[in-house]
Every structure is written in structure tokens, then in C-alpha cells.
């Protein structure tokens, strides 16, 4: 079987595609149907993946990589049994559910006839998305291994957003690395798939603000396809550790609590956005996706369930401010505004109200109102930098590990996704969709913070 993905000289030939089932040595695993939580219904069924690029390993070769997955995936799926199942639609409710009958995860092996260094790493589309292979909409997990002429390889962990959020996707990769290296998962790494922890109250109750924060994702309420596609440019940047540290220092004040690295970079982006908007609009907005696992600490039962919860526990915080105000404010003041916006909600109450709000709207699909492009210009930021991510499953750390998502709506807001470089050098990699003027402003700033990713930066060399 062969397929061509992309153009120019990159041709990925699929050598094999087969199903791998959980092993039969765990009698505690029974076939079952797993219902989604109301929080899973917010992203709905959108394909998402973690794409890892590895240089030529110091020991072993691609055959050894394939052998490791063939040997270890069955045991791995014992722990992540829903990923050996299928995403289905409940005939009565029309809602997604997981049929955990050990139908098998997909293992795809392919080969590319070019070295990794020949890829254009300036965007995800020109690099990662040309390597990743299509997989069925109902597939809970497709693991894709692709070899390159330089001896390097790629591993794509392809799944669906209705199953996992960013934190859970990172747990998935880390658990595989631990299991592949040691042959077992320690108790603290074993996943929790129990979605019953997020239950609506008998009488749903929520703030009216949820009706403003979300909008039904109907075609007639989205911008047209040309506006959505032509308004933005795609970029893949890196931020050196020294620049992250410099921004953090600039965003902190003596005698006050230091700004976090995320707050500092967000403040820098907010000021750049305000500079680009200028007099064209009186306001601009920033939006941040927030992982609830570390913030749901009020109830001991929920706190324990969140430690290794596999599912969606994500919400967002948003703040609108005067363009003139953001431009005039010192960086520490903007960073403080970022921190206040993210810390403001009472997250225990917020998530319960969100669960209740979705309960009355389970049949429809919603999206963050600001993401549609209505109102003042908005840039959303999501960071994987706080999620532990171990990519070393016995062949060294990945040079890059970036989440990717297949867009299913015509959104018209800026979006910046940040992940830490896997080797732990402190630098960050960012996938971004930006207005051309904002991208130009970031790239021309001195000293430059957002630099284009290159094969040289990733340590990839042609053979």
C-alpha cells in the first residue's frame, strides 16, 4: 500500500497499517460503553494529535522503534483501554460515546524518502501535516511511525479531542515512554477514565455570562471561507530560553511576586496586538485556555480524580482592554492583568456551572464567541509548557513535540499554541495563526522573540 502526502520531494509511503489490541492478560478489563462528560461535548469530535520528531537515535534504528511499539502497545492499551475502542454515536441521543470493545488501535508504519532537515519547519502545514496520514473519524488512536532518509523518524499520536484535552494527550505520550523504558507504569502514572466525576446537578444552575461566552457553531454565524483562510498566516516559531527569562524579568517588579513565564510572554503578545490594532479599534482581547486539573482543589474526591484524569477539563479566561491602555501600560502591569484574568474565576464553581450549562444544550455544538472574530480583535493562547511531557521511550528525546488539531470551523481570531522543547533546554516552540501585520510585527521586533523554527534549531542534519 502506498500513499503520497504533500508535494515537492516529500512522499510518505505507507508500508503497513494494522490493528493492535490490548493484551488478554488483564481480566479486570471488560468490554463496555463509556459515556462522554459534558466537558467532552464542548470540543466535540475533532481529530487531534501529538506529533513528535526524533533525530537519528544514538543506538538502534527505525526497525527497533517499530519493534518497540509492536511489543509494547498491547500492554499500553491495557491501561488506556478506551483508545483500543471506537468513537460512535448513540442512536437515541445522537451524542458521541466510546465503544470499548477492544477493536484495536491503529499502528501505521511509513517511510519518507527525504531527510528531516529537508522539511520546511516554518509552518506546521509545510512540515508536520505533510507527514501525518489520514485516519478514520471513529478511530480512538492511530499511532503513526514514519522513517526518514537521515535515520530520524516521526511518531504521531493521533486521536480525537472528545477523548482528550492537551493535558491528557501529554499524559498519554509520557505514559508510553515510561512503560516502554521500564516495562511498567507506576501507580501515579496510571490513568483515570472515570468521566462520572463531572455530573450535572439535578436542577442545572449557571451564570448568564455563559450565554455570552459561547455561541452556537452554525454555518450562518461563521465568516465565509475566503475571509477565514485569507486573513491569517501560519507560523512555527521558537522562543529561546534566554528570551523567555528576559521577558519574565522585564514583566516582574522588585518587591512583588514575579510574573510567570506564561504571563510574561502573554503580556508581550498583548502589547504587540495593541500596537498592530492601533487606532483601528478602541479595544483588543486576549483569551487563555486553562487546565482545570490543578485548580479543582476544593473537594478531596475531585482533587484525587484529577491527578491522572483522561478526558477534557479545559475552560478559558478572557479579558478585553483599551488599546491605548495596553500600549501605555508597563509590561509588569500587563502581565499582572494576565494573571488576574486567569486567577479570577472560582474554578470549582465555574466548572460545575459549565457542566450544568452544557447539560441543557447537549444536542448542539458551541464555540467561544471571541474565536468567531466578532467584536474586538482577539488572540487566544494555549500553553502545554506546564504539562509534564516525556518523549524518551528508549531512543532519546524528541527534537520537537507539537500538538495539532484539524480545524472544523471557520474561526477568525489569532491563535498561539506554545509547547516546551522536549530536551528540557528551557526554550519554547509555538505554532501560530496570526494576522499578517501581527506576524510581521513579531518578526521585526528587536530583539526578536519569536523566531522561525529551522532544521538547524531542531538539531536535524542531512546525512
Protein backbone atom coordinates (compact mmCIF):
# COMPACT_ATOMS: atom_id res chain seq x y z
CA UNK A 1 0.00 0.00 0.00
CA UNK A 2 1.38 3.43 -0.85
CA UNK A 3 0.17 6.98 -0.48
CA UNK A 4 1.52 10.41 -1.27
CA UNK A 5 1.15 13.15 1.31
CA UNK A 6 2.25 16.65 0.43
CA UNK A 7 4.19 17.91 -2.57
CA UNK A 8 7.71 18.62 -3.80
CA UNK A 9 10.07 15.80 -2.80
CA UNK A 10 8.24 14.52 0.27
CA UNK A 11 6.40 11.28 -0.41
CA UNK A 12 5.32 9.16 2.51
CA UNK A 13 4.88 5.54 1.54
CA UNK A 14 2.70 3.55 3.92
CA UNK A 15 4.49 0.24 4.44
CA UNK A 16 1.94 -1.31 6.80
CA UNK A 17 -1.28 -0.48 8.59
CA UNK A 18 -2.70 -2.87 11.17
CA UNK A 19 -4.75 -3.02 14.34
CA UNK A 20 -3.20 -3.69 17.74
CA UNK A 21 -5.45 -4.86 20.55
CA UNK A 22 -5.00 -4.70 24.29
CA UNK A 23 -3.41 -7.88 25.59
CA UNK A 24 -5.59 -10.60 27.08
CA UNK A 25 -3.70 -10.91 30.35
CA UNK A 26 -5.79 -8.40 32.31
CA UNK A 27 -9.09 -9.95 33.42
CA UNK A 28 -10.23 -6.66 35.00
CA UNK A 29 -10.82 -5.13 31.57
CA UNK A 30 -14.31 -5.82 30.28
CA UNK A 31 -15.95 -4.60 27.08
CA UNK A 32 -18.16 -1.62 27.87
CA UNK A 33 -19.62 1.61 26.55
CA UNK A 34 -18.13 4.77 28.04
CA UNK A 35 -20.29 7.88 28.03
CA UNK A 36 -18.77 11.29 27.43
CA UNK A 37 -18.87 14.00 30.07
CA UNK A 38 -20.48 17.37 29.39
CA UNK A 39 -16.98 18.87 29.26
CA UNK A 40 -16.10 16.48 26.41
CA UNK A 41 -19.04 17.84 24.43
CA UNK A 42 -17.54 21.34 24.19
CA UNK A 43 -14.73 20.40 21.76
CA UNK A 44 -16.85 17.58 20.27
CA UNK A 45 -15.31 15.16 17.75
CA UNK A 46 -12.28 16.98 16.36
CA UNK A 47 -9.22 14.99 15.34
CA UNK A 48 -6.14 15.97 17.30
CA UNK A 49 -2.63 14.58 17.70
CA UNK A 50 0.76 14.98 19.32
CA UNK A 51 3.42 14.93 16.63
CA UNK A 52 6.96 14.08 17.76
CA UNK A 53 10.04 14.41 15.56
CA UNK A 54 13.17 12.48 16.57
CA UNK A 55 16.72 12.83 15.22
CA UNK A 56 18.69 9.72 14.39
CA UNK A 57 18.90 7.81 17.68
CA UNK A 58 22.34 7.21 19.23
CA UNK A 59 21.59 3.48 19.38
CA UNK A 60 19.13 1.34 17.48
CA UNK A 61 17.38 2.09 14.22
CA UNK A 62 13.85 2.51 12.86
CA UNK A 63 13.27 -1.25 12.86
CA UNK A 64 13.93 -1.22 16.60
CA UNK A 65 11.46 1.66 17.01
CA UNK A 66 8.76 -0.31 15.19
CA UNK A 67 9.57 -3.41 17.24
CA UNK A 68 9.21 -1.41 20.47
CA UNK A 69 5.70 -0.31 19.52
CA UNK A 70 4.68 -3.75 18.32
CA UNK A 71 5.83 -5.26 21.60
CA UNK A 72 4.60 -2.55 23.98
CA UNK A 73 1.32 -1.27 22.56
CA UNK A 74 -0.81 -4.22 23.78
CA UNK A 75 0.24 -3.62 27.41
CA UNK A 76 -0.12 0.13 26.95
CA UNK A 77 -3.70 -0.33 25.74
CA UNK A 78 -4.48 -2.33 28.88
CA UNK A 79 -4.07 0.96 30.76
CA UNK A 80 -5.67 3.11 28.04
CA UNK A 81 -8.40 0.66 27.08
CA UNK A 82 -10.80 3.27 25.58
CA UNK A 83 -8.12 4.04 22.98
CA UNK A 84 -8.46 0.47 21.70
CA UNK A 85 -12.13 1.16 21.04
CA UNK A 86 -14.15 3.27 18.64
CA UNK A 87 -15.94 6.62 18.77
CA UNK A 88 -19.60 6.01 17.98
CA UNK A 89 -22.88 7.91 18.02
CA UNK A 90 -25.60 6.96 20.45
CA UNK A 91 -28.67 6.24 18.29
CA UNK A 92 -31.07 7.66 20.88
CA UNK A 93 -29.30 10.86 21.95
CA UNK A 94 -27.18 11.50 18.87
CA UNK A 95 -24.23 12.17 21.18
CA UNK A 96 -20.76 10.63 20.88
CA UNK A 97 -19.83 7.70 23.09
CA UNK A 98 -16.91 5.29 23.27
CA UNK A 99 -17.41 1.64 22.41
CA UNK A 100 -14.62 -0.02 24.37
CA UNK A 101 -14.73 -3.49 22.85
CA UNK A 102 -11.01 -3.85 22.11
CA UNK A 103 -11.47 -3.34 18.40
CA UNK A 104 -7.82 -2.28 18.31
CA UNK A 105 -5.75 0.86 17.93
CA UNK A 106 -4.18 1.52 14.56
CA UNK A 107 -0.43 1.16 14.04
CA UNK A 108 0.80 2.73 10.81
CA UNK A 109 4.39 2.37 9.56
CA UNK A 110 5.60 4.57 6.72
CA UNK A 111 8.78 5.80 5.14
CA UNK A 112 9.75 9.13 3.62
CA UNK A 113 12.44 9.34 1.00
CA UNK A 114 13.94 12.58 2.28
CA UNK A 115 15.92 13.65 5.36
CA UNK A 116 14.11 15.52 8.11
CA UNK A 117 16.36 18.53 7.51
CA UNK A 118 14.80 18.99 4.06
CA UNK A 119 11.37 19.83 5.50
CA UNK A 120 10.27 23.45 5.78
CA UNK A 121 9.72 23.86 9.51
CA UNK A 122 8.45 27.41 9.11
CA UNK A 123 4.86 26.16 9.43
CA UNK A 124 3.10 23.04 10.64
CA UNK A 125 1.44 22.65 7.24
CA UNK A 126 4.77 22.58 5.41
CA UNK A 127 6.26 20.01 7.78
CA UNK A 128 4.16 18.03 10.28
CA UNK A 129 0.90 17.96 8.35
CA UNK A 130 2.64 16.66 5.23
CA UNK A 131 3.87 13.64 7.15
CA UNK A 132 0.78 12.70 9.14
CA UNK A 133 -1.55 10.24 7.42
CA UNK A 134 -5.37 10.42 7.40
CA UNK A 135 -7.19 8.12 9.80
CA UNK A 136 -10.83 7.16 10.25
CA UNK A 137 -13.17 9.50 12.11
CA UNK A 138 -14.17 6.74 14.54
CA UNK A 139 -10.59 5.72 15.34
CA UNK A 140 -9.76 6.37 19.00
CA UNK A 141 -6.00 6.03 18.46
CA UNK A 142 -3.80 5.86 15.39
CA UNK A 143 -0.07 5.65 16.15
CA UNK A 144 1.91 6.59 13.07
CA UNK A 145 5.62 5.86 12.70
CA UNK A 146 7.49 7.37 9.73
CA UNK A 147 11.18 6.90 8.95
CA UNK A 148 13.34 9.46 7.14
CA UNK A 149 16.41 9.10 4.97
CA UNK A 150 18.64 10.67 7.64
CA UNK A 151 17.85 7.94 10.16
CA UNK A 152 15.47 10.19 12.10
CA UNK A 153 11.80 9.37 12.49
CA UNK A 154 8.42 10.76 13.49
CA UNK A 155 5.81 9.42 15.89
CA UNK A 156 2.29 10.83 15.64
CA UNK A 157 -0.18 10.06 18.42
CA UNK A 158 -3.45 10.66 16.57
CA UNK A 159 -6.72 10.64 18.49
CA UNK A 160 -9.79 12.81 19.00
CA UNK A 161 -10.48 15.87 21.13
CA UNK A 162 -13.67 14.32 22.52
CA UNK A 163 -11.39 11.77 24.23
CA UNK A 164 -8.55 14.01 25.42
CA UNK A 165 -7.52 17.59 26.03
CA UNK A 166 -3.95 18.86 25.89
CA UNK A 167 -3.03 17.66 29.37
CA UNK A 168 -4.43 14.16 28.74
CA UNK A 169 -2.65 13.98 25.38
CA UNK A 170 0.63 14.79 27.10
CA UNK A 171 -0.07 12.12 29.78
CA UNK A 172 -0.63 9.60 27.01
CA UNK A 173 2.80 10.19 25.45
CA UNK A 174 4.56 10.27 28.82
CA UNK A 175 2.91 7.05 29.96
CA UNK A 176 4.07 5.29 26.80
CA UNK A 177 7.64 6.46 27.39
CA UNK A 178 7.62 5.22 30.98
CA UNK A 179 6.10 1.87 30.05
CA UNK A 180 8.44 1.33 27.08
CA UNK A 181 11.54 2.04 29.16
CA UNK A 182 10.62 0.26 32.40
CA UNK A 183 8.02 -2.30 31.38
CA UNK A 184 5.51 -0.98 33.89
CA UNK A 185 3.54 2.10 34.93
CA UNK A 186 3.91 3.33 38.48
CA UNK A 187 0.68 3.92 40.38
CA UNK A 188 0.92 7.70 39.98
CA UNK A 189 1.05 7.35 36.19
CA UNK A 190 -1.99 5.11 35.76
CA UNK A 191 -4.83 6.92 34.01
CA UNK A 192 -8.31 7.62 35.34
CA UNK A 193 -11.02 7.25 32.68
CA UNK A 194 -14.00 7.78 35.01
CA UNK A 195 -15.97 10.63 33.47
CA UNK A 196 -18.74 10.39 36.08
CA UNK A 197 -16.83 12.89 38.23
CA UNK A 198 -18.39 15.66 36.14
CA UNK A 199 -22.11 15.31 36.76
CA UNK A 200 -24.75 17.99 36.28
CA UNK A 201 -26.87 18.97 39.24
CA UNK A 202 -30.48 17.80 39.40
CA UNK A 203 -31.53 21.38 38.71
CA UNK A 204 -28.90 22.98 36.47
CA UNK A 205 -27.77 26.41 37.63
CA UNK A 206 -25.30 28.75 35.96
CA UNK A 207 -24.41 32.36 35.33
CA UNK A 208 -25.95 34.18 32.37
CA UNK A 209 -22.38 35.01 31.28
CA UNK A 210 -22.07 31.53 29.73
CA UNK A 211 -24.68 32.52 27.15
CA UNK A 212 -22.42 35.40 26.13
CA UNK A 213 -19.17 33.44 26.29
CA UNK A 214 -20.37 30.74 23.87
CA UNK A 215 -22.22 30.86 20.58
CA UNK A 216 -23.87 28.05 18.59
CA UNK A 217 -21.50 26.86 15.88
CA UNK A 218 -23.88 27.32 12.98
CA UNK A 219 -22.61 27.89 9.44
CA UNK A 220 -24.59 31.12 9.04
CA UNK A 221 -22.85 32.59 12.11
CA UNK A 222 -19.33 31.97 10.80
CA UNK A 223 -17.31 34.14 8.46
CA UNK A 224 -17.07 32.98 4.85
CA UNK A 225 -14.34 30.55 3.89
CA UNK A 226 -12.21 33.07 1.97
CA UNK A 227 -12.18 35.50 4.87
CA UNK A 228 -11.22 32.74 7.30
CA UNK A 229 -8.47 31.31 5.08
CA UNK A 230 -7.00 34.51 3.66
CA UNK A 231 -6.98 36.64 6.81
CA UNK A 232 -4.22 34.71 8.56
CA UNK A 233 -0.73 33.39 8.05
CA UNK A 234 0.61 30.28 9.73
CA UNK A 235 3.92 30.26 11.54
CA UNK A 236 6.07 27.88 13.58
CA UNK A 237 8.28 29.87 15.94
CA UNK A 238 10.71 29.17 18.72
CA UNK A 239 11.46 31.32 21.75
CA UNK A 240 14.92 30.89 23.22
CA UNK A 241 15.17 30.22 26.94
CA UNK A 242 17.15 33.44 27.36
CA UNK A 243 14.33 35.45 25.75
CA UNK A 244 11.73 33.81 27.98
CA UNK A 245 13.88 34.68 31.01
CA UNK A 246 14.42 38.24 29.75
CA UNK A 247 10.69 38.80 29.27
CA UNK A 248 9.95 37.35 32.68
CA UNK A 249 12.46 39.71 34.27
CA UNK A 250 11.00 42.69 32.37
CA UNK A 251 7.45 41.70 33.39
CA UNK A 252 8.30 41.45 37.11
CA UNK A 253 8.68 44.18 39.70
CA UNK A 254 11.05 44.23 42.65
CA UNK A 255 9.23 43.52 45.88
CA UNK A 256 6.28 41.89 44.13
CA UNK A 257 5.54 38.32 43.17
CA UNK A 258 7.41 37.53 39.97
CA UNK A 259 5.44 37.15 36.77
CA UNK A 260 5.32 33.61 35.44
CA UNK A 261 6.92 32.88 32.11
CA UNK A 262 3.49 32.37 30.58
CA UNK A 263 2.22 35.69 31.93
CA UNK A 264 5.30 37.47 30.61
CA UNK A 265 5.00 36.06 27.08
CA UNK A 266 1.23 36.70 27.08
CA UNK A 267 1.84 40.31 28.11
CA UNK A 268 4.36 40.71 25.31
CA UNK A 269 1.83 39.33 22.80
CA UNK A 270 -0.92 41.59 24.15
CA UNK A 271 1.21 44.70 23.71
CA UNK A 272 2.15 43.58 20.20
CA UNK A 273 -1.53 43.05 19.36
CA UNK A 274 -2.45 46.50 20.69
CA UNK A 275 0.33 48.06 18.63
CA UNK A 276 -0.98 46.44 15.46
CA UNK A 277 -4.63 47.35 16.15
CA UNK A 278 -3.64 50.98 16.79
CA UNK A 279 -6.49 53.39 16.11
CA UNK A 280 -8.49 50.86 14.05
CA UNK A 281 -10.38 49.70 17.16
CA UNK A 282 -10.72 51.06 20.67
CA UNK A 283 -10.26 47.64 22.29
CA UNK A 284 -8.49 44.29 21.89
CA UNK A 285 -8.78 41.00 23.74
CA UNK A 286 -6.65 38.13 24.92
CA UNK A 287 -8.04 34.67 25.64
CA UNK A 288 -6.31 31.87 27.54
CA UNK A 289 -7.22 28.19 27.77
CA UNK A 290 -6.99 26.94 31.34
CA UNK A 291 -6.43 23.35 32.51
CA UNK A 292 -8.75 22.68 35.44
CA UNK A 293 -6.86 19.73 36.93
CA UNK A 294 -4.63 21.80 39.21
CA UNK A 295 -7.40 24.28 40.02
CA UNK A 296 -10.12 21.86 41.14
CA UNK A 297 -8.81 21.50 44.67
CA UNK A 298 -11.81 22.30 46.89
CA UNK A 299 -13.24 18.77 47.07
CA UNK A 300 -10.84 15.95 48.07
CA UNK A 301 -12.63 13.40 45.86
CA UNK A 302 -12.41 15.60 42.78
CA UNK A 303 -8.83 16.59 43.54
CA UNK A 304 -7.81 12.92 43.67
CA UNK A 305 -9.69 12.12 40.46
CA UNK A 306 -7.91 14.92 38.59
CA UNK A 307 -4.38 13.64 39.14
CA UNK A 308 -4.35 11.49 36.01
CA UNK A 309 -7.76 12.19 34.53
CA UNK A 310 -8.04 11.31 30.84
CA UNK A 311 -10.71 13.49 29.30
CA UNK A 312 -11.48 17.19 28.89
CA UNK A 313 -11.10 19.55 31.84
CA UNK A 314 -10.45 22.77 29.96
CA UNK A 315 -12.07 26.18 30.05
CA UNK A 316 -10.98 29.65 29.03
CA UNK A 317 -10.44 33.07 30.56
CA UNK A 318 -10.77 36.25 28.53
CA UNK A 319 -10.02 39.91 29.14
CA UNK A 320 -10.77 42.92 26.96
CA UNK A 321 -8.86 46.16 27.45
CA UNK A 322 -8.45 49.53 25.83
CA UNK A 323 -5.85 49.51 23.08
CA UNK A 324 -4.48 52.81 24.33
CA UNK A 325 -4.30 51.46 27.88
CA UNK A 326 -2.38 48.33 26.86
CA UNK A 327 0.04 50.39 24.80
CA UNK A 328 0.71 52.84 27.64
CA UNK A 329 0.96 50.27 30.43
CA UNK A 330 4.34 48.95 31.50
CA UNK A 331 4.95 45.27 30.82
CA UNK A 332 4.61 44.31 34.53
CA UNK A 333 1.15 45.89 34.62
CA UNK A 334 0.02 43.98 31.53
CA UNK A 335 1.45 40.75 32.98
CA UNK A 336 -0.46 41.43 36.21
CA UNK A 337 -3.64 41.90 34.18
CA UNK A 338 -3.00 38.50 32.55
CA UNK A 339 -2.54 36.84 35.94
CA UNK A 340 -5.66 38.46 37.37
CA UNK A 341 -7.80 37.38 34.41
CA UNK A 342 -6.70 33.74 34.70
CA UNK A 343 -6.96 33.63 38.50
CA UNK A 344 -10.30 35.47 38.75
CA UNK A 345 -12.79 32.58 38.41
CA UNK A 346 -13.68 30.33 41.31
CA UNK A 347 -12.87 27.25 39.25
CA UNK A 348 -14.78 24.71 41.31
CA UNK A 349 -17.96 26.72 40.87
CA UNK A 350 -17.08 27.62 37.29
CA UNK A 351 -16.69 24.03 36.11
CA UNK A 352 -19.87 22.91 37.88
CA UNK A 353 -21.80 25.73 36.20
CA UNK A 354 -20.21 24.87 32.86
CA UNK A 355 -21.30 21.24 33.24
CA UNK A 356 -24.81 22.43 34.09
CA UNK A 357 -24.88 24.87 31.17
CA UNK A 358 -23.88 22.16 28.67
CA UNK A 359 -26.48 19.78 30.14
CA UNK A 360 -29.25 21.95 28.71
CA UNK A 361 -27.53 22.19 25.30
CA UNK A 362 -26.12 18.72 24.73
CA UNK A 363 -27.65 18.34 21.27
CA UNK A 364 -25.91 21.41 19.82
CA UNK A 365 -22.31 22.43 19.34
CA UNK A 366 -20.90 25.67 20.68
CA UNK A 367 -17.71 27.67 20.27
CA UNK A 368 -16.10 30.52 22.22
CA UNK A 369 -17.77 33.69 20.94
CA UNK A 370 -14.50 35.63 20.73
CA UNK A 371 -12.98 32.96 18.45
CA UNK A 372 -15.54 33.67 15.73
CA UNK A 373 -13.99 37.04 15.01
CA UNK A 374 -16.86 39.23 16.14
CA UNK A 375 -16.13 42.29 18.28
CA UNK A 376 -12.63 43.50 19.08
CA UNK A 377 -9.58 41.60 17.71
CA UNK A 378 -8.70 38.59 19.86
CA UNK A 379 -5.63 36.41 20.23
CA UNK A 380 -6.05 33.12 22.07
CA UNK A 381 -3.10 31.47 23.81
CA UNK A 382 -2.84 27.87 24.96
CA UNK A 383 0.29 26.53 26.62
CA UNK A 384 1.49 22.95 27.01
CA UNK A 385 4.54 24.19 28.89
CA UNK A 386 3.12 23.25 32.30
CA UNK A 387 2.25 19.68 31.27
CA UNK A 388 4.98 17.13 32.01
CA UNK A 389 5.90 15.56 28.67
CA UNK A 390 8.36 12.67 28.47
CA UNK A 391 9.10 11.73 24.84
CA UNK A 392 12.04 9.38 25.51
CA UNK A 393 10.77 5.82 25.07
CA UNK A 394 14.28 4.44 24.75
CA UNK A 395 15.57 6.31 21.70
CA UNK A 396 16.28 9.75 23.15
CA UNK A 397 14.10 12.82 23.49
CA UNK A 398 12.17 14.20 20.53
CA UNK A 399 13.56 17.33 18.89
CA UNK A 400 10.04 18.73 18.74
CA UNK A 401 6.67 17.62 20.11
CA UNK A 402 3.74 19.73 18.97
CA UNK A 403 0.00 19.18 19.27
CA UNK A 404 -2.01 19.57 16.07
CA UNK A 405 -5.75 19.85 15.56
CA UNK A 406 -7.83 19.56 12.41
CA UNK A 407 -9.94 22.74 12.17
CA UNK A 408 -13.65 22.10 11.69
CA UNK A 409 -14.98 25.66 11.92
CA UNK A 410 -14.32 28.96 10.16
CA UNK A 411 -12.85 30.89 13.06
CA UNK A 412 -11.41 34.38 12.70
CA UNK A 413 -9.20 35.13 15.69
CA UNK A 414 -5.49 34.83 16.30
CA UNK A 415 -4.23 31.68 17.96
CA UNK A 416 -0.88 30.90 19.58
CA UNK A 417 -0.03 27.43 20.88
CA UNK A 418 3.11 27.03 22.97
CA UNK A 419 4.98 23.86 23.93
CA UNK A 420 8.29 23.32 25.67
CA UNK A 421 11.16 21.85 23.72
CA UNK A 422 11.32 18.21 24.86
CA UNK A 423 15.03 18.13 25.68
CA UNK A 424 14.44 20.48 28.61
CA UNK A 425 16.71 23.33 27.47
CA UNK A 426 14.06 25.87 28.53
CA UNK A 427 13.15 27.09 25.05
CA UNK A 428 9.60 27.06 23.73
CA UNK A 429 8.13 26.21 20.34
CA UNK A 430 4.99 27.98 19.17
CA UNK A 431 2.53 27.17 16.41
CA UNK A 432 0.61 30.31 15.48
CA UNK A 433 -2.19 31.56 13.22
CA UNK A 434 -1.88 35.33 13.06
CA UNK A 435 -2.95 38.31 11.06
CA UNK A 436 -0.08 39.14 8.64
CA UNK A 437 0.50 42.51 10.32
CA UNK A 438 0.84 40.88 13.74
CA UNK A 439 3.22 38.23 12.40
CA UNK A 440 5.30 40.98 10.74
CA UNK A 441 5.39 42.96 13.99
CA UNK A 442 6.61 39.96 15.99
CA UNK A 443 9.23 39.03 13.40
CA UNK A 444 10.62 42.58 13.04
CA UNK A 445 10.78 43.39 16.75
CA UNK A 446 14.25 43.93 18.19
CA UNK A 447 15.47 41.95 19.95
CA UNK A 448 13.38 39.32 18.18
CA UNK A 449 11.49 36.96 20.50
CA UNK A 450 9.51 34.85 18.03
CA UNK A 451 11.99 33.33 15.59
CA UNK A 452 11.14 30.90 12.75
CA UNK A 453 11.84 27.24 13.53
CA UNK A 454 14.53 25.72 11.32
CA UNK A 455 16.03 22.27 10.98
CA UNK A 456 19.25 23.70 12.40
CA UNK A 457 17.47 24.90 15.55
CA UNK A 458 15.96 21.43 16.00
CA UNK A 459 19.40 19.83 15.64
CA UNK A 460 18.47 17.99 12.45
CA UNK A 461 21.22 17.40 9.96
CA UNK A 462 21.18 15.95 6.48
CA UNK A 463 23.11 12.65 6.23
